[in-house]
Amino acid sequence: MDTMKIKCVVVDDEPLAIEKLSSFIGRIPYLELTETFTNPLDALSYLRTNDTDLLFLDIQMEDLTGIQLIDVLQKKPKIILTTAYDQYALKGYELNISDYLLKPISFERFLKAVNKVADVFNAESPVTVKHENVVTPSFIFVKTEYRMQRIMLDDILYVEGMKDYLHIITKTGGIMTLMNFAQMMTQLPHGSFIRVHKSYIVSLSKIESVERDRILINGKRIPVGETYRKDFYTALE
């Protein structure tokens, strides 16, 4: 807002999830992160005594689930649910939440959700919410076998499907993740990465040449699938 910001609280029992959401919030000029909590009971106490505009809330937590926390809140802020369990989506919308984000959360999807909330505040108030100067993220987090791994977007050359895994090829090596292609595409910024084959996503800026539907990146020749051919060549133009 011109002189005011949307006050945000993040509640998630995973510190890495809090770190990621905090980073996203920090990139939006009209959002202000006031507190984060890994314990939902501590969050409940805070929310009862502090004005909060927007709550980012995980569903699956110990002691108190996100659904239970919503049920006991007397004064409810706007709520965006964050979870890895999509079966909760319908229940979430029955609680009149603003949006529902499925982990891993991409910045593009996050921005869409908070813009929706900002539009509601804008409709309720004559003060205008500005959506300008939003900084494009420079990295993503992907889930490996034991941890969440940060990868700089500029380091990614291409992504290759390998049975149940994706192999992310970077300038310095490879990283395996259990994410699927759909999840990976939501993480990667539109316009910088494109799927060119059922088994490949490529970074457009890393393409060295294209010849006879074969892409050359760092010595690797990647086929362009018939299904993806039209979109790929349109993107190159």
C-alpha atoms as a PDB file:
ATOM      1  CA  MET A   1       0.000   0.000   0.000  1.00  0.00           C
ATOM      2  CA  ASP A   2       1.148   3.627  -0.391  1.00  0.00           C
ATOM      3  CA  THR A   3       1.898   4.138   3.318  1.00  0.00           C
ATOM      4  CA  MET A   4       0.818   0.790   4.704  1.00  0.00           C
ATOM      5  CA  LYS A   5       1.855  -2.768   4.076  1.00  0.00           C
ATOM      6  CA  ILE A   6       0.058  -6.088   4.428  1.00  0.00           C
ATOM      7  CA  LYS A   7       1.327  -7.543   7.713  1.00  0.00           C
ATOM      8  CA  CYS A   8       2.217 -11.205   7.304  1.00  0.00           C
ATOM      9  CA  VAL A   9       2.821 -14.101   9.700  1.00  0.00           C
ATOM     10  CA  VAL A  10       4.263 -17.478   8.639  1.00  0.00           C
ATOM     11  CA  VAL A  11       3.482 -20.646  10.609  1.00  0.00           C
ATOM     12  CA  ASP A  12       5.269 -23.842   9.570  1.00  0.00           C
ATOM     13  CA  ASP A  13       7.095 -26.471  11.598  1.00  0.00           C
ATOM     14  CA  GLU A  14       9.772 -26.781   8.880  1.00  0.00           C
ATOM     15  CA  PRO A  15      12.447 -24.046   9.230  1.00  0.00           C
ATOM     16  CA  LEU A  16      13.399 -24.352   5.543  1.00  0.00           C
ATOM     17  CA  ALA A  17       9.795 -23.709   4.520  1.00  0.00           C
ATOM     18  CA  ILE A  18       9.760 -20.607   6.717  1.00  0.00           C
ATOM     19  CA  GLU A  19      13.047 -19.462   5.170  1.00  0.00           C
ATOM     20  CA  LYS A  20      11.659 -19.843   1.666  1.00  0.00           C
ATOM     21  CA  LEU A  21       8.396 -18.001   2.380  1.00  0.00           C
ATOM     22  CA  SER A  22      10.266 -15.273   4.252  1.00  0.00           C
ATOM     23  CA  SER A  23      12.495 -14.800   1.210  1.00  0.00           C
ATOM     24  CA  PHE A  24       9.468 -14.575  -1.083  1.00  0.00           C
ATOM     25  CA  ILE A  25       7.733 -12.061   1.208  1.00  0.00           C
ATOM     26  CA  GLY A  26      10.890  -9.934   1.281  1.00  0.00           C
ATOM     27  CA  ARG A  27      10.695  -9.535  -2.503  1.00  0.00           C
ATOM     28  CA  ILE A  28       7.184  -8.056  -2.470  1.00  0.00           C
ATOM     29  CA  PRO A  29       7.163  -4.312  -1.712  1.00  0.00           C
ATOM     30  CA  TYR A  30       3.643  -4.287  -0.265  1.00  0.00           C
ATOM     31  CA  LEU A  31       4.200  -7.199   2.171  1.00  0.00           C
ATOM     32  CA  GLU A  32       5.727  -6.925   5.644  1.00  0.00           C
ATOM     33  CA  LEU A  33       6.794 -10.036   7.570  1.00  0.00           C
ATOM     34  CA  THR A  34       6.053  -9.393  11.249  1.00  0.00           C
ATOM     35  CA  GLU A  35       6.641 -12.856  12.783  1.00  0.00           C
ATOM     36  CA  THR A  36       7.375 -16.505  11.989  1.00  0.00           C
ATOM     37  CA  PHE A  37       6.535 -19.536  14.127  1.00  0.00           C
ATOM     38  CA  THR A  38       7.459 -23.204  14.060  1.00  0.00           C
ATOM     39  CA  ASN A  39       5.086 -23.898  16.978  1.00  0.00           C
ATOM     40  CA  PRO A  40       1.399 -23.315  16.139  1.00  0.00           C
ATOM     41  CA  LEU A  41       0.503 -22.790  19.810  1.00  0.00           C
ATOM     42  CA  ASP A  42       2.933 -19.866  19.993  1.00  0.00           C
ATOM     43  CA  ALA A  43       1.410 -18.527  16.792  1.00  0.00           C
ATOM     44  CA  LEU A  44      -2.096 -18.774  18.253  1.00  0.00           C
ATOM     45  CA  SER A  45      -1.067 -16.716  21.263  1.00  0.00           C
ATOM     46  CA  TYR A  46       0.495 -14.064  19.012  1.00  0.00           C
ATOM     47  CA  LEU A  47      -2.468 -13.876  16.650  1.00  0.00           C
ATOM     48  CA  ARG A  48      -4.887 -13.314  19.524  1.00  0.00           C
ATOM     49  CA  THR A  49      -3.072 -10.144  20.620  1.00  0.00           C
ATOM     50  CA  ASN A  50      -1.504  -8.743  17.436  1.00  0.00           C
ATOM     51  CA  ASP A  51      -3.176  -7.386  14.318  1.00  0.00           C
ATOM     52  CA  THR A  52      -2.285  -9.557  11.321  1.00  0.00           C
ATOM     53  CA  ASP A  53      -3.486  -9.093   7.754  1.00  0.00           C
ATOM     54  CA  LEU A  54      -2.255 -12.282   6.104  1.00  0.00           C
ATOM     55  CA  LEU A  55      -1.371 -15.682   7.549  1.00  0.00           C
ATOM     56  CA  PHE A  56       0.697 -18.263   5.667  1.00  0.00           C
ATOM     57  CA  LEU A  57      -0.253 -21.493   7.405  1.00  0.00           C
ATOM     58  CA  ASP A  58       1.030 -25.045   7.062  1.00  0.00           C
ATOM     59  CA  ILE A  59      -1.567 -27.775   7.587  1.00  0.00           C
ATOM     60  CA  GLN A  60       0.402 -30.721   8.958  1.00  0.00           C
ATOM     61  CA  MET A  61       2.045 -29.720  12.263  1.00  0.00           C
ATOM     62  CA  GLU A  62       2.473 -31.307  15.669  1.00  0.00           C
ATOM     63  CA  ASP A  63       0.366 -30.200  18.665  1.00  0.00           C
ATOM     64  CA  LEU A  64      -2.091 -28.307  16.470  1.00  0.00           C
ATOM     65  CA  THR A  65      -2.858 -28.655  12.763  1.00  0.00           C
ATOM     66  CA  GLY A  66      -3.414 -25.657  10.557  1.00  0.00           C
ATOM     67  CA  ILE A  67      -7.101 -26.594  10.240  1.00  0.00           C
ATOM     68  CA  GLN A  68      -7.471 -26.728  14.036  1.00  0.00           C
ATOM     69  CA  LEU A  69      -5.714 -23.376  14.416  1.00  0.00           C
ATOM     70  CA  ILE A  70      -8.147 -21.761  11.980  1.00  0.00           C
ATOM     71  CA  ASP A  71     -11.096 -23.267  13.871  1.00  0.00           C
ATOM     72  CA  VAL A  72     -10.038 -21.717  17.203  1.00  0.00           C
ATOM     73  CA  LEU A  73      -9.084 -18.289  15.849  1.00  0.00           C
ATOM     74  CA  GLN A  74     -11.712 -15.727  16.799  1.00  0.00           C
ATOM     75  CA  LYS A  75     -10.372 -12.905  14.640  1.00  0.00           C
ATOM     76  CA  LYS A  76      -9.269 -14.447  11.370  1.00  0.00           C
ATOM     77  CA  PRO A  77      -6.841 -12.702   8.998  1.00  0.00           C
ATOM     78  CA  LYS A  78      -6.698 -13.556   5.316  1.00  0.00           C
ATOM     79  CA  ILE A  79      -5.226 -17.077   5.121  1.00  0.00           C
ATOM     80  CA  ILE A  80      -3.095 -18.823   2.509  1.00  0.00           C
ATOM     81  CA  LEU A  81      -2.635 -22.522   3.275  1.00  0.00           C
ATOM     82  CA  THR A  82       0.719 -24.137   2.436  1.00  0.00           C
ATOM     83  CA  THR A  83       1.113 -27.909   2.398  1.00  0.00           C
ATOM     84  CA  ALA A  84       2.514 -30.897   0.558  1.00  0.00           C
ATOM     85  CA  TYR A  85      -0.802 -32.743   0.891  1.00  0.00           C
ATOM     86  CA  ASP A  86      -3.190 -31.789  -1.900  1.00  0.00           C
ATOM     87  CA  GLN A  87      -6.057 -33.856  -0.460  1.00  0.00           C
ATOM     88  CA  TYR A  88      -6.610 -31.030   1.992  1.00  0.00           C
ATOM     89  CA  ALA A  89      -7.450 -28.506  -0.720  1.00  0.00           C
ATOM     90  CA  LEU A  90     -11.215 -28.935  -0.582  1.00  0.00           C
ATOM     91  CA  LYS A  91     -11.294 -28.728   3.208  1.00  0.00           C
ATOM     92  CA  GLY A  92      -9.194 -25.588   3.042  1.00  0.00           C
ATOM     93  CA  TYR A  93     -11.594 -23.817   0.727  1.00  0.00           C
ATOM     94  CA  GLU A  94     -14.538 -24.748   2.971  1.00  0.00           C
ATOM     95  CA  LEU A  95     -12.788 -22.652   5.623  1.00  0.00           C
ATOM     96  CA  ASN A  96     -12.999 -19.583   3.361  1.00  0.00           C
ATOM     97  CA  ILE A  97      -9.259 -19.239   2.865  1.00  0.00           C
ATOM     98  CA  SER A  98      -7.799 -16.852   0.298  1.00  0.00           C
ATOM     99  CA  ASP A  99      -5.677 -19.417  -1.537  1.00  0.00           C
ATOM    100  CA  TYR A 100      -3.971 -22.787  -1.294  1.00  0.00           C
ATOM    101  CA  LEU A 101      -0.309 -23.360  -2.201  1.00  0.00           C
ATOM    102  CA  LEU A 102       1.000 -26.863  -2.838  1.00  0.00           C
ATOM    103  CA  LYS A 103       4.632 -27.448  -1.849  1.00  0.00           C
ATOM    104  CA  PRO A 104       7.164 -27.032  -3.328  1.00  0.00           C
ATOM    105  CA  ILE A 105       5.926 -23.482  -3.873  1.00  0.00           C
ATOM    106  CA  SER A 106       7.202 -21.493  -6.837  1.00  0.00           C
ATOM    107  CA  PHE A 107       7.651 -17.731  -6.633  1.00  0.00           C
ATOM    108  CA  GLU A 108       5.308 -17.285  -9.606  1.00  0.00           C
ATOM    109  CA  ARG A 109       2.492 -19.177  -7.847  1.00  0.00           C
ATOM    110  CA  PHE A 110       3.223 -17.366  -4.557  1.00  0.00           C
ATOM    111  CA  LEU A 111       2.979 -14.008  -6.318  1.00  0.00           C
ATOM    112  CA  LYS A 112      -0.366 -14.943  -7.853  1.00  0.00           C
ATOM    113  CA  ALA A 113      -1.737 -15.831  -4.412  1.00  0.00           C
ATOM    114  CA  VAL A 114      -0.587 -12.653  -2.662  1.00  0.00           C
ATOM    115  CA  ASN A 115      -1.782 -10.485  -5.546  1.00  0.00           C
ATOM    116  CA  LYS A 116      -5.217 -12.020  -5.060  1.00  0.00           C
ATOM    117  CA  VAL A 117      -5.126 -11.027  -1.377  1.00  0.00           C
ATOM    118  CA  ALA A 118      -3.836  -7.553  -2.236  1.00  0.00           C
ATOM    119  CA  ASP A 119      -6.730  -7.074  -4.649  1.00  0.00           C
ATOM    120  CA  VAL A 120      -9.167  -7.879  -1.827  1.00  0.00           C
ATOM    121  CA  PHE A 121      -7.544  -5.293   0.442  1.00  0.00           C
ATOM    122  CA  ASN A 122      -7.602  -2.827  -2.427  1.00  0.00           C
ATOM    123  CA  ALA A 123     -11.328  -3.400  -2.920  1.00  0.00           C
ATOM    124  CA  GLU A 124     -11.975  -2.915   0.800  1.00  0.00           C
ATOM    125  CA  SER A 125      -9.852   0.234   1.113  1.00  0.00           C
ATOM    126  CA  PRO A 126      -9.294   3.387  -0.954  1.00  0.00           C
ATOM    127  CA  VAL A 127      -5.550   2.972  -0.423  1.00  0.00           C
ATOM    128  CA  THR A 128      -3.962   1.447  -3.514  1.00  0.00           C
ATOM    129  CA  VAL A 129      -1.778  -1.640  -3.316  1.00  0.00           C
ATOM    130  CA  LYS A 130       1.232  -1.338  -5.598  1.00  0.00           C
ATOM    131  CA  HIS A 131       2.407  -4.455  -7.427  1.00  0.00           C
ATOM    132  CA  GLU A 132       5.495  -2.878  -8.948  1.00  0.00           C
ATOM    133  CA  ASN A 133       9.197  -3.520  -8.447  1.00  0.00           C
ATOM    134  CA  VAL A 134       8.788  -7.237  -7.704  1.00  0.00           C
ATOM    135  CA  VAL A 135      12.187  -8.886  -7.951  1.00  0.00           C
ATOM    136  CA  THR A 136      12.491 -12.125  -9.905  1.00  0.00           C
ATOM    137  CA  PRO A 137      13.972 -14.901  -7.734  1.00  0.00           C
ATOM    138  CA  SER A 138      17.560 -15.926  -8.456  1.00  0.00           C
ATOM    139  CA  PHE A 139      17.319 -19.437  -6.985  1.00  0.00           C
ATOM    140  CA  ILE A 140      14.985 -22.314  -6.201  1.00  0.00           C
ATOM    141  CA  PHE A 141      14.894 -24.987  -3.499  1.00  0.00           C
ATOM    142  CA  VAL A 142      14.494 -28.636  -4.495  1.00  0.00           C
ATOM    143  CA  LYS A 143      14.015 -31.644  -2.269  1.00  0.00           C
ATOM    144  CA  THR A 144      16.847 -34.160  -2.388  1.00  0.00           C
ATOM    145  CA  GLU A 145      16.962 -37.400  -0.428  1.00  0.00           C
ATOM    146  CA  TYR A 146      18.004 -35.786   2.852  1.00  0.00           C
ATOM    147  CA  ARG A 147      17.505 -32.021   2.588  1.00  0.00           C
ATOM    148  CA  MET A 148      16.170 -29.030   0.701  1.00  0.00           C
ATOM    149  CA  GLN A 149      18.907 -27.930  -1.697  1.00  0.00           C
ATOM    150  CA  ARG A 150      19.246 -24.380  -3.011  1.00  0.00           C
ATOM    151  CA  ILE A 151      20.142 -24.099  -6.707  1.00  0.00           C
ATOM    152  CA  MET A 152      20.960 -20.831  -8.457  1.00  0.00           C
ATOM    153  CA  LEU A 153      18.788 -20.514 -11.556  1.00  0.00           C
ATOM    154  CA  ASP A 154      21.656 -19.202 -13.643  1.00  0.00           C
ATOM    155  CA  ASP A 155      23.615 -22.387 -12.909  1.00  0.00           C
ATOM    156  CA  ILE A 156      20.981 -24.737 -14.369  1.00  0.00           C
ATOM    157  CA  LEU A 157      21.750 -26.044 -17.866  1.00  0.00           C
ATOM    158  CA  TYR A 158      18.926 -28.553 -18.281  1.00  0.00           C
ATOM    159  CA  VAL A 159      16.785 -31.061 -16.405  1.00  0.00           C
ATOM    160  CA  GLU A 160      16.573 -34.707 -17.440  1.00  0.00           C
ATOM    161  CA  GLY A 161      13.947 -37.239 -16.377  1.00  0.00           C
ATOM    162  CA  MET A 162      15.313 -40.523 -15.007  1.00  0.00           C
ATOM    163  CA  LYS A 163      12.509 -42.928 -14.026  1.00  0.00           C
ATOM    164  CA  ASP A 164      11.224 -41.687 -10.638  1.00  0.00           C
ATOM    165  CA  TYR A 165      13.779 -38.867 -10.390  1.00  0.00           C
ATOM    166  CA  LEU A 166      14.736 -35.670 -12.126  1.00  0.00           C
ATOM    167  CA  HIS A 167      18.422 -35.033 -12.745  1.00  0.00           C
ATOM    168  CA  ILE A 168      19.164 -31.304 -12.612  1.00  0.00           C
ATOM    169  CA  ILE A 169      22.345 -30.603 -14.553  1.00  0.00           C
ATOM    170  CA  THR A 170      24.171 -27.456 -13.446  1.00  0.00           C
ATOM    171  CA  LYS A 171      27.469 -25.801 -14.353  1.00  0.00           C
ATOM    172  CA  THR A 172      29.166 -27.657 -11.496  1.00  0.00           C
ATOM    173  CA  GLY A 173      27.446 -31.049 -11.526  1.00  0.00           C
ATOM    174  CA  GLY A 174      24.146 -32.855 -11.118  1.00  0.00           C
ATOM    175  CA  ILE A 175      21.463 -32.956  -8.414  1.00  0.00           C
ATOM    176  CA  MET A 176      18.818 -35.665  -8.104  1.00  0.00           C
ATOM    177  CA  THR A 177      15.319 -34.818  -6.873  1.00  0.00           C
ATOM    178  CA  LEU A 178      12.052 -36.730  -6.481  1.00  0.00           C
ATOM    179  CA  MET A 179      10.083 -33.831  -7.984  1.00  0.00           C
ATOM    180  CA  ASN A 180       8.146 -34.523 -11.174  1.00  0.00           C
ATOM    181  CA  PHE A 181       8.187 -32.390 -14.326  1.00  0.00           C
ATOM    182  CA  ALA A 182       4.977 -30.532 -13.474  1.00  0.00           C
ATOM    183  CA  GLN A 183       6.332 -29.537 -10.065  1.00  0.00           C
ATOM    184  CA  MET A 184       9.653 -28.501 -11.556  1.00  0.00           C
ATOM    185  CA  MET A 185       8.008 -26.273 -14.175  1.00  0.00           C
ATOM    186  CA  THR A 186       6.106 -24.405 -11.442  1.00  0.00           C
ATOM    187  CA  GLN A 187       9.443 -23.730  -9.710  1.00  0.00           C
ATOM    188  CA  LEU A 188      11.248 -22.432 -12.792  1.00  0.00           C
ATOM    189  CA  PRO A 189      10.496 -18.897 -14.078  1.00  0.00           C
ATOM    190  CA  HIS A 190       8.336 -18.832 -17.189  1.00  0.00           C
ATOM    191  CA  GLY A 191      10.201 -17.545 -20.213  1.00  0.00           C
ATOM    192  CA  SER A 192      13.627 -18.679 -19.011  1.00  0.00           C
ATOM    193  CA  PHE A 193      13.058 -22.442 -19.049  1.00  0.00           C
ATOM    194  CA  ILE A 194      10.997 -24.550 -21.409  1.00  0.00           C
ATOM    195  CA  ARG A 195      10.105 -28.202 -21.700  1.00  0.00           C
ATOM    196  CA  VAL A 196      11.299 -29.522 -25.061  1.00  0.00           C
ATOM    197  CA  HIS A 197      10.732 -33.269 -24.656  1.00  0.00           C
ATOM    198  CA  LYS A 198       8.880 -35.629 -22.350  1.00  0.00           C
ATOM    199  CA  SER A 199      12.249 -36.187 -20.656  1.00  0.00           C
ATOM    200  CA  TYR A 200      13.868 -32.725 -20.824  1.00  0.00           C
ATOM    201  CA  ILE A 201      13.567 -29.129 -19.667  1.00  0.00           C
ATOM    202  CA  VAL A 202      16.212 -26.704 -20.924  1.00  0.00           C
ATOM    203  CA  SER A 203      17.433 -23.244 -20.006  1.00  0.00           C
ATOM    204  CA  LEU A 204      16.896 -21.070 -23.063  1.00  0.00           C
ATOM    205  CA  SER A 205      19.929 -18.914 -22.242  1.00  0.00           C
ATOM    206  CA  LYS A 206      22.218 -21.975 -22.183  1.00  0.00           C
ATOM    207  CA  ILE A 207      21.354 -23.217 -25.683  1.00  0.00           C
ATOM    208  CA  GLU A 208      24.443 -23.088 -27.896  1.00  0.00           C
ATOM    209  CA  SER A 209      22.798 -24.208 -31.131  1.00  0.00           C
ATOM    210  CA  VAL A 210      19.776 -26.018 -32.589  1.00  0.00           C
ATOM    211  CA  GLU A 211      20.146 -28.328 -35.588  1.00  0.00           C
ATOM    212  CA  ARG A 212      17.630 -30.828 -36.970  1.00  0.00           C
ATOM    213  CA  ASP A 213      15.548 -30.744 -33.788  1.00  0.00           C
ATOM    214  CA  ARG A 214      18.603 -31.337 -31.637  1.00  0.00           C
ATOM    215  CA  ILE A 215      19.612 -28.815 -28.977  1.00  0.00           C
ATOM    216  CA  LEU A 216      23.260 -28.491 -28.005  1.00  0.00           C
ATOM    217  CA  ILE A 217      23.988 -27.484 -24.392  1.00  0.00           C
ATOM    218  CA  ASN A 218      27.443 -27.973 -22.893  1.00  0.00           C
ATOM    219  CA  GLY A 219      28.247 -30.871 -25.233  1.00  0.00           C
ATOM    220  CA  LYS A 220      24.893 -32.594 -24.615  1.00  0.00           C
ATOM    221  CA  ARG A 221      22.532 -33.079 -27.567  1.00  0.00           C
ATOM    222  CA  ILE A 222      18.908 -32.932 -26.431  1.00  0.00           C
ATOM    223  CA  PRO A 223      16.030 -33.944 -28.728  1.00  0.00           C
ATOM    224  CA  VAL A 224      13.047 -31.690 -29.344  1.00  0.00           C
ATOM    225  CA  GLY A 225       9.875 -33.781 -29.033  1.00  0.00           C
ATOM    226  CA  GLU A 226       7.100 -33.415 -31.576  1.00  0.00           C
ATOM    227  CA  THR A 227       4.599 -32.415 -28.875  1.00  0.00           C
ATOM    228  CA  TYR A 228       6.830 -29.552 -27.709  1.00  0.00           C
ATOM    229  CA  ARG A 229       8.292 -28.465 -31.065  1.00  0.00           C
ATOM    230  CA  LYS A 230       5.909 -25.596 -31.872  1.00  0.00           C
ATOM    231  CA  ASP A 231       6.169 -23.968 -28.417  1.00  0.00           C
ATOM    232  CA  PHE A 232       9.942 -24.363 -28.402  1.00  0.00           C
ATOM    233  CA  TYR A 233      10.554 -22.653 -31.744  1.00  0.00           C
ATOM    234  CA  THR A 234       8.051 -19.922 -30.834  1.00  0.00           C
ATOM    235  CA  ALA A 235      10.044 -19.291 -27.666  1.00  0.00           C
ATOM    236  CA  LEU A 236      13.276 -19.054 -29.662  1.00  0.00           C
ATOM    237  CA  GLU A 237      11.749 -16.456 -31.962  1.00  0.00           C
END
